[in-house]
Amino acid sequence: MKTVHLEYVAMVRETVGKPRESLPTTAADLAGLYADLAARYQLPWSREALRPALNDRIVAWDTSIAHDDRILFLPPSSGG
């Protein structure tokens, strides 16, 4: 089992109720981790509504995760 470090921003932080946490996980990739988190915190967003970032880089959902990775799920933003 590996431990990953999650940071939550915007609407995700509001739903989860905290800005960050470290969690043990058996998920192999970001999609699996998000599925676990969505179930744990009853997150209402599909993967298509968010973009995953791993160690400060935007990556694909099928990117593998490793012990001590830093992960952020970016919600959509609006700009003008």
C-alpha atoms as a PDB file:
ATOM      1  CA  MET A   1       0.000   0.000   0.000  1.00  0.00           C
ATOM      2  CA  LYS A   2       1.204   3.501  -0.796  1.00  0.00           C
ATOM      3  CA  THR A   3       0.432   6.864   0.779  1.00  0.00           C
ATOM      4  CA  VAL A   4      -0.468   9.810  -1.443  1.00  0.00           C
ATOM      5  CA  HIS A   5      -0.798  13.466  -0.529  1.00  0.00           C
ATOM      6  CA  LEU A   6      -3.964  15.138  -1.769  1.00  0.00           C
ATOM      7  CA  GLU A   7      -4.681  18.833  -2.011  1.00  0.00           C
ATOM      8  CA  TYR A   8      -8.248  20.025  -2.462  1.00  0.00           C
ATOM      9  CA  VAL A   9      -9.219  23.365  -4.002  1.00  0.00           C
ATOM     10  CA  ALA A  10     -12.397  25.318  -4.734  1.00  0.00           C
ATOM     11  CA  MET A  11     -15.598  23.252  -4.867  1.00  0.00           C
ATOM     12  CA  VAL A  12     -13.763  20.008  -4.096  1.00  0.00           C
ATOM     13  CA  ARG A  13     -12.308  21.483  -0.883  1.00  0.00           C
ATOM     14  CA  GLU A  14     -15.747  22.743   0.126  1.00  0.00           C
ATOM     15  CA  THR A  15     -17.279  19.299  -0.355  1.00  0.00           C
ATOM     16  CA  VAL A  16     -14.457  17.360   1.318  1.00  0.00           C
ATOM     17  CA  GLY A  17     -14.242  19.892   4.152  1.00  0.00           C
ATOM     18  CA  LYS A  18     -10.462  20.215   4.327  1.00  0.00           C
ATOM     19  CA  PRO A  19      -7.663  21.655   2.198  1.00  0.00           C
ATOM     20  CA  ARG A  20      -5.404  18.591   2.186  1.00  0.00           C
ATOM     21  CA  GLU A  21      -4.811  15.132   3.537  1.00  0.00           C
ATOM     22  CA  SER A  22      -2.524  12.139   3.191  1.00  0.00           C
ATOM     23  CA  LEU A  23      -4.208   8.803   2.537  1.00  0.00           C
ATOM     24  CA  PRO A  24      -3.119   5.216   2.113  1.00  0.00           C
ATOM     25  CA  THR A  25      -4.396   3.734  -1.140  1.00  0.00           C
ATOM     26  CA  THR A  26      -4.240   0.597  -3.216  1.00  0.00           C
ATOM     27  CA  ALA A  27      -5.425   2.447  -6.351  1.00  0.00           C
ATOM     28  CA  ALA A  28      -3.145   1.895  -9.327  1.00  0.00           C
ATOM     29  CA  ASP A  29      -3.938   5.121 -11.158  1.00  0.00           C
ATOM     30  CA  LEU A  30      -5.636   8.488 -10.765  1.00  0.00           C
ATOM     31  CA  ALA A  31      -8.963   7.208 -12.076  1.00  0.00           C
ATOM     32  CA  GLY A  32      -9.065   4.513  -9.395  1.00  0.00           C
ATOM     33  CA  LEU A  33      -8.047   6.972  -6.694  1.00  0.00           C
ATOM     34  CA  TYR A  34     -10.728   9.436  -7.745  1.00  0.00           C
ATOM     35  CA  ALA A  35     -13.345   6.655  -7.742  1.00  0.00           C
ATOM     36  CA  ASP A  36     -12.339   5.810  -4.156  1.00  0.00           C
ATOM     37  CA  LEU A  37     -12.485   9.472  -3.113  1.00  0.00           C
ATOM     38  CA  ALA A  38     -15.817  10.042  -4.875  1.00  0.00           C
ATOM     39  CA  ALA A  39     -17.314   7.158  -2.897  1.00  0.00           C
ATOM     40  CA  ARG A  40     -15.689   8.214   0.374  1.00  0.00           C
ATOM     41  CA  TYR A  41     -16.777  11.859   0.194  1.00  0.00           C
ATOM     42  CA  GLN A  42     -19.826  11.485  -2.092  1.00  0.00           C
ATOM     43  CA  LEU A  43     -18.282  13.773  -4.689  1.00  0.00           C
ATOM     44  CA  PRO A  44     -20.919  14.670  -7.275  1.00  0.00           C
ATOM     45  CA  TRP A  45     -18.589  15.300 -10.228  1.00  0.00           C
ATOM     46  CA  SER A  46     -17.685  12.859 -12.943  1.00  0.00           C
ATOM     47  CA  ARG A  47     -14.041  12.590 -13.955  1.00  0.00           C
ATOM     48  CA  GLU A  48     -14.825  14.598 -17.062  1.00  0.00           C
ATOM     49  CA  ALA A  49     -15.581  17.631 -14.856  1.00  0.00           C
ATOM     50  CA  LEU A  50     -12.072  17.645 -13.338  1.00  0.00           C
ATOM     51  CA  ARG A  51      -8.464  17.541 -14.472  1.00  0.00           C
ATOM     52  CA  PRO A  52      -5.924  15.541 -12.480  1.00  0.00           C
ATOM     53  CA  ALA A  53      -2.508  16.921 -11.588  1.00  0.00           C
ATOM     54  CA  LEU A  54       0.301  14.714 -10.357  1.00  0.00           C
ATOM     55  CA  ASN A  55       3.426  16.235  -8.830  1.00  0.00           C
ATOM     56  CA  ASP A  56       2.644  19.670 -10.322  1.00  0.00           C
ATOM     57  CA  ARG A  57       1.799  18.449 -13.851  1.00  0.00           C
ATOM     58  CA  ILE A  58      -1.547  17.992 -15.558  1.00  0.00           C
ATOM     59  CA  VAL A  59      -1.737  14.325 -16.560  1.00  0.00           C
ATOM     60  CA  ALA A  60      -4.177  11.749 -17.942  1.00  0.00           C
ATOM     61  CA  TRP A  61      -6.559   9.837 -15.698  1.00  0.00           C
ATOM     62  CA  ASP A  62      -4.799   6.543 -16.460  1.00  0.00           C
ATOM     63  CA  THR A  63      -1.479   7.831 -15.054  1.00  0.00           C
ATOM     64  CA  SER A  64      -0.039   5.478 -12.422  1.00  0.00           C
ATOM     65  CA  ILE A  65       0.420   6.734  -8.890  1.00  0.00           C
ATOM     66  CA  ALA A  66       3.261   5.946  -6.496  1.00  0.00           C
ATOM     67  CA  HIS A  67       4.086   6.342  -2.816  1.00  0.00           C
ATOM     68  CA  ASP A  68       4.457  10.005  -1.768  1.00  0.00           C
ATOM     69  CA  ASP A  69       2.923  11.430  -4.957  1.00  0.00           C
ATOM     70  CA  ARG A  70       1.203  14.815  -4.631  1.00  0.00           C
ATOM     71  CA  ILE A  71      -2.201  14.861  -6.286  1.00  0.00           C
ATOM     72  CA  LEU A  72      -4.686  17.598  -7.067  1.00  0.00           C
ATOM     73  CA  PHE A  73      -8.023  17.339  -8.863  1.00  0.00           C
ATOM     74  CA  LEU A  74      -8.608  20.660 -10.613  1.00  0.00           C
ATOM     75  CA  PRO A  75     -12.186  21.837 -11.009  1.00  0.00           C
ATOM     76  CA  PRO A  76     -13.247  23.892 -13.992  1.00  0.00           C
ATOM     77  CA  SER A  77     -12.578  27.586 -13.732  1.00  0.00           C
ATOM     78  CA  SER A  78     -14.118  30.521 -15.470  1.00  0.00           C
ATOM     79  CA  GLY A  79     -12.270  33.457 -16.825  1.00  0.00           C
ATOM     80  CA  GLY A  80     -12.990  36.542 -18.702  1.00  0.00           C
END
